[in-house]
Amino acid sequence: MTARTRFAAAARARSGQVVAIAQTLIAIASPNPPGDVRAAAEGAASLIAELVPGAEVTLHPTSAEVTNLVARIHGAGAGRRVVFNGHLDTYPVNEALPWTVPPLGGLIRDGRLYGRGAADMKGGIAASLLALALLAEHRADWNGEAVLTLAGDEESMGVLGTSWLLDNIPHARGDAVIIGDAGSPRVLRFGEKGFWWVEIEARGRAAHGAHVHLGENALDRLSVALEALRGLRRLPVAAPAAVTAAIAASRPISEPLCGAGEAEVLGSVTVNIGQVSGGQAPNLVPGFASAAADIRLPVGVSGEALGAALAAALDTLPGIIWRAIRKFEPNHTDPGAPLITTMHRVAEEVLAAPVAVNMRVGGSDARWFRMAGLPTAVYGPTPFNMGGADEYVLVEELAAVMQVHALTGFDLLR
């Protein structure tokens, strides 16, 4: 048997253990808000001490509630560094939801693992943690370093989590980054859209509804601004050919899993007007109104281009003030990069089925790594009821994700 064959056999033999690790993590509440993940970080550290021989484990508090974890192991000699990344915080448990299982119980039923964070993303963390344990047990067969970074702040955009780790811990950066965030084992994600959250205020002149000639309706002005905002969907996109080709090629696999129209959304600017307010009564002309929108940018449209388009569309409208309150650039790793091609090959090997290579509609901590110039892939289990009652993942998918993480790390470090 070759070293690679032995390692693959060990990964298959240990795949059932990933559920027990996930159950331990799910049992430790880490909802955000409020964002207190200290117990989850300490629990993960205990698991690593038990399962990963020789690991260097450090905890890094960045606020009164947020603690990050970094674990590192070394191979037989000098070489590259592979980083596994995950986030410890979850959506709030919200016991008022119609849960039919204990929210932190980690119950297994009909091949499903239930609990808050099972999908987002304690199941993915369990897969990466066990991958690290396997690499530690076979360290004589690979070179370099394998690192696991667990961020305490992702649901709040990651400033105190992954962003802090990249700025302060040198070995949080690697030659390749693997993230087990929610997705699907049938789809390997190499990039994600950027976003701008925009607030718009419209000011008019209040008056009685019977005397509209004496007022200036702020909602009417806001309506004109929102129509201009919707027009941004027509912005031209100049994506690299490799990205456009990957989105198109992935469609037969990805869209049945993620919804018809995903490919169009991935390749275009989208505008979601999520909040509108204004007015006090039907017979009063409103003097103030406001709205908030989520604008998503595909690869091929920069934040600079969007900002210029927003200024052109809104700056000359009477009574309109706008501001961007949160923004990130679109980001991607070349789909031809060694990380992506290696992980794609491994995923098809483990699943014995075709796997798509595609962009990701939603955001994740992958953006921080890609913004730092690090090749990054997101590969995790399918989320069911994420953030709602009876959140769960499929046990067989967790096992597959773990094997893909472990074998990809092994192959990259050989």
Protein backbone atom coordinates (compact mmCIF):
# COMPACT_ATOMS: atom_id res chain seq x y z
CA MET A 1 0.00 0.00 0.00
CA THR A 2 1.23 3.49 -0.79
CA ALA A 3 1.17 6.19 1.85
CA ARG A 4 -1.72 7.83 0.04
CA THR A 5 -3.71 4.57 -0.04
CA ARG A 6 -3.12 4.03 3.67
CA PHE A 7 -4.21 7.55 4.45
CA ALA A 8 -7.40 7.26 2.37
CA ALA A 9 -8.25 3.97 4.12
CA ALA A 10 -7.72 5.58 7.52
CA ALA A 11 -9.98 8.49 6.57
CA ARG A 12 -12.75 6.11 5.54
CA ALA A 13 -12.33 4.05 8.71
CA ARG A 14 -12.54 7.13 10.97
CA SER A 15 -15.40 8.86 9.11
CA GLY A 16 -18.01 7.87 11.69
CA GLN A 17 -16.14 9.80 14.36
CA VAL A 18 -16.97 13.15 12.78
CA VAL A 19 -20.52 12.95 14.16
CA ALA A 20 -19.37 12.59 17.76
CA ILE A 21 -17.10 15.61 17.37
CA ALA A 22 -19.93 17.66 15.89
CA GLN A 23 -22.25 16.61 18.72
CA THR A 24 -19.75 17.84 21.30
CA LEU A 25 -19.48 21.21 19.56
CA ILE A 26 -23.26 21.58 19.09
CA ALA A 27 -23.82 20.98 22.81
CA ILE A 28 -21.89 24.18 23.62
CA ALA A 29 -24.10 27.17 22.88
CA SER A 30 -22.37 29.98 20.96
CA PRO A 31 -25.18 32.16 19.55
CA ASN A 32 -24.41 35.48 17.87
CA PRO A 33 -25.90 37.72 19.07
CA PRO A 34 -24.79 37.99 21.81
CA GLY A 35 -21.58 36.45 20.42
CA ASP A 36 -20.07 34.80 23.50
CA VAL A 37 -18.01 31.90 22.10
CA ARG A 38 -15.54 31.47 24.95
CA ALA A 39 -16.93 28.11 26.06
CA ALA A 40 -17.04 26.85 22.46
CA ALA A 41 -13.39 27.80 21.92
CA GLU A 42 -12.36 26.06 25.13
CA GLY A 43 -14.40 23.00 24.20
CA ALA A 44 -12.75 22.84 20.79
CA ALA A 45 -9.34 23.17 22.45
CA SER A 46 -10.14 20.18 24.66
CA LEU A 47 -11.18 18.12 21.64
CA ILE A 48 -7.96 18.98 19.82
CA ALA A 49 -5.86 18.06 22.87
CA GLU A 50 -7.60 14.68 22.94
CA LEU A 51 -7.66 13.91 19.21
CA VAL A 52 -4.65 15.65 17.63
CA PRO A 53 -1.36 14.41 19.08
CA GLY A 54 1.38 17.00 19.25
CA ALA A 55 -0.80 19.95 18.23
CA GLU A 56 0.23 23.44 19.29
CA VAL A 57 -3.01 25.06 20.48
CA THR A 58 -3.42 28.73 21.37
CA LEU A 59 -6.50 30.77 22.33
CA HIS A 60 -6.74 34.42 21.30
CA PRO A 61 -9.41 36.57 23.00
CA THR A 62 -10.22 39.70 21.02
CA SER A 63 -13.06 41.02 23.20
CA ALA A 64 -14.84 40.14 26.42
CA GLU A 65 -16.90 37.53 24.52
CA VAL A 66 -14.92 36.59 21.40
CA THR A 67 -12.12 34.02 21.56
CA ASN A 68 -10.34 32.57 18.53
CA LEU A 69 -8.42 29.30 18.39
CA VAL A 70 -5.37 28.29 16.37
CA ALA A 71 -3.98 24.74 16.25
CA ARG A 72 -0.85 23.80 14.30
CA ILE A 73 0.92 20.53 13.49
CA HIS A 74 4.12 19.87 11.56
CA GLY A 75 4.90 17.21 9.00
CA ALA A 76 8.12 15.29 8.41
CA GLY A 77 10.00 18.26 6.95
CA ALA A 78 9.74 21.74 5.53
CA GLY A 79 7.02 22.42 3.01
CA ARG A 80 3.79 24.25 2.31
CA ARG A 81 1.11 25.21 4.79
CA VAL A 82 -2.56 24.21 4.49
CA VAL A 83 -5.03 26.10 6.67
CA PHE A 84 -8.46 24.77 7.65
CA ASN A 85 -10.83 27.49 8.83
CA GLY A 86 -14.21 27.64 10.52
CA HIS A 87 -16.31 29.88 12.74
CA LEU A 88 -17.58 29.00 16.21
CA ASP A 89 -20.51 31.43 16.40
CA THR A 90 -23.96 30.39 15.23
CA TYR A 91 -27.38 31.91 14.73
CA PRO A 92 -29.32 32.38 17.98
CA VAL A 93 -30.94 29.19 19.27
CA ASN A 94 -34.34 30.89 19.60
CA GLU A 95 -36.26 28.35 21.68
CA ALA A 96 -39.51 30.07 20.61
CA LEU A 97 -39.15 28.42 17.20
CA PRO A 98 -41.09 25.16 16.72
CA TRP A 99 -38.18 22.83 17.54
CA THR A 100 -39.10 19.15 17.65
CA VAL A 101 -35.66 18.16 18.97
CA PRO A 102 -33.45 19.60 21.73
CA PRO A 103 -31.72 22.58 20.02
CA LEU A 104 -28.32 21.70 21.53
CA GLY A 105 -28.89 17.96 21.80
CA GLY A 106 -27.06 16.79 18.70
CA LEU A 107 -29.78 14.21 18.11
CA ILE A 108 -29.31 11.71 15.28
CA ARG A 109 -32.49 10.56 13.58
CA ASP A 110 -33.00 9.01 10.14
CA GLY A 111 -29.44 9.76 9.08
CA ARG A 112 -29.69 13.40 10.15
CA LEU A 113 -27.69 15.25 12.80
CA TYR A 114 -29.84 17.94 14.42
CA GLY A 115 -28.95 21.03 16.43
CA ARG A 116 -28.18 24.72 16.22
CA GLY A 117 -24.96 25.08 14.25
CA ALA A 118 -25.08 21.57 12.80
CA ALA A 119 -25.05 23.13 9.32
CA ASP A 120 -23.54 26.55 10.04
CA MET A 121 -20.97 25.46 10.84
CA LYS A 122 -20.07 23.07 13.64
CA GLY A 123 -20.48 20.11 11.31
CA GLY A 124 -17.89 21.62 8.98
CA ILE A 125 -15.57 22.36 11.91
CA ALA A 126 -15.85 18.74 13.02
CA ALA A 127 -14.84 17.62 9.52
CA SER A 128 -11.78 19.88 9.52
CA LEU A 129 -10.81 18.94 13.08
CA LEU A 130 -10.87 15.23 12.27
CA ALA A 131 -8.93 15.92 9.05
CA LEU A 132 -6.27 17.60 11.20
CA ALA A 133 -6.23 14.58 13.54
CA LEU A 134 -5.68 12.21 10.62
CA LEU A 135 -2.87 14.34 9.26
CA ALA A 136 -1.23 14.35 12.71
CA GLU A 137 -1.34 10.55 12.87
CA HIS A 138 0.29 10.29 9.42
CA ARG A 139 2.75 13.17 9.73
CA ALA A 140 5.66 11.02 8.55
CA ASP A 141 4.05 10.90 5.09
CA TRP A 142 3.84 14.63 4.36
CA ASN A 143 5.84 17.83 4.70
CA GLY A 144 5.03 21.34 5.84
CA GLU A 145 2.32 22.44 8.26
CA ALA A 146 -1.40 21.97 8.74
CA VAL A 147 -3.25 24.64 10.72
CA LEU A 148 -6.81 24.88 12.02
CA THR A 149 -8.15 28.38 12.73
CA LEU A 150 -11.49 28.71 14.48
CA ALA A 151 -12.86 32.25 14.43
CA GLY A 152 -15.08 33.53 17.20
CA ASP A 153 -16.75 36.17 15.05
CA GLU A 154 -18.17 35.45 11.59
CA GLU A 155 -21.88 36.22 11.81
CA SER A 156 -20.85 39.81 12.69
CA MET A 157 -18.63 40.07 9.58
CA GLY A 158 -15.45 38.59 11.07
CA VAL A 159 -13.56 41.70 12.18
CA LEU A 160 -12.74 40.16 15.58
CA GLY A 161 -12.35 36.68 14.12
CA THR A 162 -10.67 35.67 10.88
CA SER A 163 -9.69 39.23 9.98
CA TRP A 164 -7.91 39.61 13.34
CA LEU A 165 -6.17 36.23 12.95
CA LEU A 166 -4.82 37.15 9.53
CA ASP A 167 -3.48 40.43 10.88
CA ASN A 168 -1.91 39.00 14.04
CA ILE A 169 -1.06 35.28 13.66
CA PRO A 170 1.50 34.58 10.91
CA HIS A 171 0.60 30.89 10.52
CA ALA A 172 -3.09 31.75 10.02
CA ARG A 173 -1.95 32.41 6.45
CA GLY A 174 -1.18 29.49 4.18
CA ASP A 175 -0.57 28.31 0.66
CA ALA A 176 -4.11 26.96 0.56
CA VAL A 177 -7.20 27.52 2.73
CA ILE A 178 -10.08 25.04 3.14
CA ILE A 179 -13.35 26.15 4.77
CA GLY A 180 -16.14 23.71 5.65
CA ASP A 181 -18.94 26.29 5.64
CA ALA A 182 -22.42 25.28 4.57
CA GLY A 183 -22.90 24.41 0.90
CA SER A 184 -23.06 20.97 -0.68
CA PRO A 185 -20.58 18.12 -1.20
CA ARG A 186 -21.66 18.21 -4.85
CA VAL A 187 -20.43 21.81 -5.30
CA LEU A 188 -16.92 23.11 -4.63
CA ARG A 189 -16.99 26.91 -4.24
CA PHE A 190 -14.04 29.00 -5.45
CA GLY A 191 -15.42 32.53 -5.01
CA GLU A 192 -18.30 34.66 -3.85
CA LYS A 193 -20.06 37.86 -4.73
CA GLY A 194 -19.27 41.15 -3.07
CA PHE A 195 -21.88 43.35 -1.48
CA TRP A 196 -22.79 46.91 -0.57
CA TRP A 197 -25.47 47.68 1.99
CA VAL A 198 -26.91 51.08 1.17
CA GLU A 199 -29.20 53.38 3.14
CA ILE A 200 -31.25 56.06 1.36
CA GLU A 201 -33.03 59.00 3.00
CA ALA A 202 -35.61 61.14 1.24
CA ARG A 203 -36.60 64.53 2.61
CA GLY A 204 -39.67 66.46 1.54
CA ARG A 205 -42.10 68.92 3.11
CA ALA A 206 -44.92 67.73 5.35
CA ALA A 207 -48.47 68.90 4.72
CA HIS A 208 -52.09 67.81 5.04
CA GLY A 209 -53.13 65.22 2.49
CA ALA A 210 -55.88 67.49 1.19
CA HIS A 211 -53.33 70.20 0.45
CA VAL A 212 -50.70 68.30 -1.49
CA HIS A 213 -49.79 71.47 -3.35
CA LEU A 214 -48.34 72.78 -0.09
CA GLY A 215 -46.12 69.78 0.55
CA GLU A 216 -43.44 67.66 -1.09
CA ASN A 217 -43.99 63.92 -0.68
CA ALA A 218 -40.80 62.24 0.60
CA LEU A 219 -42.15 58.79 -0.31
CA ASP A 220 -42.60 59.90 -3.92
CA ARG A 221 -38.99 61.06 -3.96
CA LEU A 222 -37.87 57.80 -2.39
CA SER A 223 -39.81 55.84 -4.99
CA VAL A 224 -37.88 57.58 -7.78
CA ALA A 225 -34.60 56.81 -6.00
CA LEU A 226 -35.48 53.14 -5.58
CA GLU A 227 -36.36 52.82 -9.24
CA ALA A 228 -32.94 54.27 -10.07
CA LEU A 229 -31.41 51.77 -7.64
CA ARG A 230 -33.14 48.88 -9.41
CA GLY A 231 -31.61 50.10 -12.65
CA LEU A 232 -28.16 49.13 -11.33
CA ARG A 233 -29.04 45.52 -12.17
CA ARG A 234 -28.12 46.40 -15.74
CA LEU A 235 -24.50 47.28 -14.92
CA PRO A 236 -22.08 45.58 -17.35
CA VAL A 237 -20.03 42.67 -15.99
CA ALA A 238 -16.46 41.96 -17.14
CA ALA A 239 -15.67 38.68 -15.40
CA PRO A 240 -12.61 36.56 -16.30
CA ALA A 241 -13.45 33.93 -18.90
CA ALA A 242 -12.54 31.12 -16.50
CA VAL A 243 -15.10 32.34 -13.97
CA THR A 244 -17.87 32.70 -16.55
CA ALA A 245 -17.10 29.25 -17.95
CA ALA A 246 -17.12 27.64 -14.50
CA ILE A 247 -20.51 29.14 -13.62
CA ALA A 248 -21.99 27.89 -16.89
CA ALA A 249 -20.44 24.42 -16.61
CA SER A 250 -21.66 23.96 -13.04
CA ARG A 251 -25.28 24.74 -13.85
CA PRO A 252 -26.57 21.16 -14.41
CA ILE A 253 -25.36 20.10 -10.95
CA SER A 254 -25.53 23.31 -8.94
CA GLU A 255 -28.95 24.69 -9.93
CA PRO A 256 -30.98 21.57 -9.00
CA LEU A 257 -29.37 21.83 -5.55
CA CYS A 258 -29.42 25.61 -5.08
CA GLY A 259 -32.36 26.75 -7.19
CA ALA A 260 -33.09 27.61 -10.80
CA GLY A 261 -31.62 30.98 -11.72
CA GLU A 262 -28.49 30.66 -9.56
CA ALA A 263 -26.18 30.99 -12.57
CA GLU A 264 -27.83 34.25 -13.66
CA VAL A 265 -27.60 35.63 -10.12
CA LEU A 266 -23.91 34.69 -9.85
CA GLY A 267 -23.13 36.55 -13.06
CA SER A 268 -25.06 39.77 -12.51
CA VAL A 269 -25.64 42.64 -10.10
CA THR A 270 -28.62 42.03 -7.84
CA VAL A 271 -30.54 44.64 -5.84
CA ASN A 272 -32.71 43.64 -2.90
CA ILE A 273 -34.69 46.49 -1.31
CA GLY A 274 -35.09 45.03 2.15
CA GLN A 275 -36.50 47.91 4.20
CA VAL A 276 -38.78 50.88 3.45
CA SER A 277 -40.33 53.27 5.96
CA GLY A 278 -42.07 56.62 5.91
CA GLY A 279 -45.31 58.43 6.58
CA GLN A 280 -47.66 58.59 9.55
CA ALA A 281 -51.18 58.51 8.14
CA PRO A 282 -52.95 58.32 4.76
CA ASN A 283 -54.05 61.94 4.99
CA LEU A 284 -50.59 63.39 5.71
CA VAL A 285 -47.92 64.19 3.17
CA PRO A 286 -44.74 62.57 4.57
CA GLY A 287 -41.77 64.85 5.05
CA PHE A 288 -39.30 61.98 5.54
CA ALA A 289 -38.84 58.45 4.23
CA SER A 290 -36.01 55.93 4.16
CA ALA A 291 -34.98 52.60 2.69
CA ALA A 292 -32.16 50.10 2.91
CA ALA A 293 -30.92 47.80 0.15
CA ASP A 294 -28.50 44.92 -0.28
CA ILE A 295 -26.59 45.14 -3.58
CA ARG A 296 -24.56 42.06 -4.57
CA LEU A 297 -21.66 42.35 -6.99
CA PRO A 298 -20.46 39.55 -9.25
CA VAL A 299 -16.81 39.05 -10.12
CA GLY A 300 -16.30 41.59 -12.88
CA VAL A 301 -17.95 44.56 -11.14
CA SER A 302 -15.84 46.48 -8.63
CA GLY A 303 -17.01 48.45 -5.65
CA GLU A 304 -15.53 51.54 -7.27
CA ALA A 305 -17.71 51.01 -10.34
CA LEU A 306 -20.78 50.50 -8.18
CA GLY A 307 -20.05 53.63 -6.15
CA ALA A 308 -19.76 55.67 -9.32
CA ALA A 309 -23.03 54.23 -10.62
CA LEU A 310 -24.80 54.99 -7.34
CA ALA A 311 -23.56 58.58 -7.43
CA ALA A 312 -24.69 59.00 -11.02
CA ALA A 313 -28.11 57.54 -10.26
CA LEU A 314 -28.86 59.27 -6.97
CA ASP A 315 -26.79 62.40 -6.42
CA THR A 316 -28.88 64.67 -8.64
CA LEU A 317 -32.26 63.55 -7.28
CA PRO A 318 -33.95 66.24 -5.15
CA GLY A 319 -34.09 65.55 -1.43
CA ILE A 320 -32.11 62.31 -1.62
CA ILE A 321 -29.14 61.40 0.61
CA TRP A 322 -27.48 57.99 0.46
CA ARG A 323 -24.63 56.21 2.19
CA ALA A 324 -22.94 52.81 2.02
CA ILE A 325 -22.88 51.29 5.52
CA ARG A 326 -21.11 48.01 4.73
CA LYS A 327 -19.17 46.85 1.69
CA PHE A 328 -16.92 44.07 0.44
CA GLU A 329 -15.42 43.43 -2.96
CA PRO A 330 -16.29 40.29 -4.94
CA ASN A 331 -13.54 37.73 -4.57
CA HIS A 332 -12.44 34.48 -6.14
CA THR A 333 -9.61 32.01 -6.49
CA ASP A 334 -8.67 31.02 -10.04
CA PRO A 335 -10.66 27.83 -10.73
CA GLY A 336 -7.48 26.45 -12.29
CA ALA A 337 -5.43 26.94 -9.10
CA PRO A 338 -3.85 23.78 -7.59
CA LEU A 339 -6.10 23.95 -4.52
CA ILE A 340 -9.26 23.95 -6.64
CA THR A 341 -8.16 21.28 -9.13
CA THR A 342 -6.85 19.02 -6.34
CA MET A 343 -9.96 19.36 -4.21
CA HIS A 344 -12.19 18.81 -7.24
CA ARG A 345 -10.38 15.57 -8.08
CA VAL A 346 -10.55 14.39 -4.47
CA ALA A 347 -14.25 15.26 -4.10
CA GLU A 348 -15.16 13.26 -7.20
CA GLU A 349 -13.03 10.38 -5.89
CA VAL A 350 -14.74 10.35 -2.49
CA LEU A 351 -18.28 10.82 -3.82
CA ALA A 352 -17.77 8.65 -6.91
CA ALA A 353 -19.93 11.23 -8.71
CA PRO A 354 -19.49 14.47 -10.66
CA VAL A 355 -18.84 17.57 -8.55
CA ALA A 356 -19.45 21.12 -9.78
CA VAL A 357 -16.89 23.91 -9.40
CA ASN A 358 -18.79 27.15 -8.91
CA MET A 359 -19.06 30.55 -7.23
CA ARG A 360 -21.02 31.05 -4.00
CA VAL A 361 -24.02 33.39 -3.81
CA GLY A 362 -23.66 34.22 -0.11
CA GLY A 363 -20.71 35.58 1.84
CA SER A 364 -18.30 33.81 4.18
CA ASP A 365 -14.95 34.27 5.89
CA ALA A 366 -13.37 33.05 2.65
CA ARG A 367 -13.39 36.67 1.52
CA TRP A 368 -10.83 37.64 4.18
CA PHE A 369 -8.37 35.01 2.94
CA ARG A 370 -8.91 35.85 -0.72
CA MET A 371 -8.53 39.56 0.00
CA ALA A 372 -5.14 38.62 1.50
CA GLY A 373 -4.24 36.85 -1.76
CA LEU A 374 -4.61 33.30 -0.40
CA PRO A 375 -6.13 30.50 -2.55
CA THR A 376 -9.35 29.51 -0.76
CA ALA A 377 -12.07 26.91 -1.28
CA VAL A 378 -15.38 26.45 0.54
CA TYR A 379 -16.58 22.85 0.76
CA GLY A 380 -19.13 21.80 3.36
CA PRO A 381 -22.37 19.91 4.01
CA THR A 382 -25.79 20.88 2.71
CA PRO A 383 -27.63 23.13 5.21
CA PHE A 384 -31.20 22.26 6.15
CA ASN A 385 -33.30 24.72 8.19
CA MET A 386 -30.22 26.87 8.77
CA GLY A 387 -31.09 29.48 11.40
CA GLY A 388 -34.56 27.98 11.87
CA ALA A 389 -36.07 25.19 13.92
CA ASP A 390 -34.62 21.67 13.56
CA GLU A 391 -31.44 22.72 11.79
CA TYR A 392 -29.68 19.59 10.52
CA VAL A 393 -27.10 18.05 8.21
CA LEU A 394 -26.90 14.60 6.69
CA VAL A 395 -24.53 12.26 8.51
CA GLU A 396 -23.25 10.74 5.26
CA GLU A 397 -22.39 14.22 3.95
CA LEU A 398 -20.37 15.06 7.05
CA ALA A 399 -18.36 11.89 6.54
CA ALA A 400 -17.74 12.78 2.89
CA VAL A 401 -16.73 16.37 3.69
CA MET A 402 -14.25 15.14 6.29
CA GLN A 403 -12.63 12.73 3.84
CA VAL A 404 -12.36 15.42 1.17
CA HIS A 405 -10.78 17.88 3.62
CA ALA A 406 -8.30 15.29 4.87
CA LEU A 407 -7.29 13.92 1.46
CA THR A 408 -7.01 17.36 -0.10
CA GLY A 409 -4.71 18.48 2.72
CA PHE A 410 -2.64 15.31 2.37
CA ASP A 411 -2.29 15.64 -1.40
CA LEU A 412 -1.32 19.32 -1.19
CA LEU A 413 1.34 18.62 1.44
CA ARG A 414 2.96 15.61 -0.25
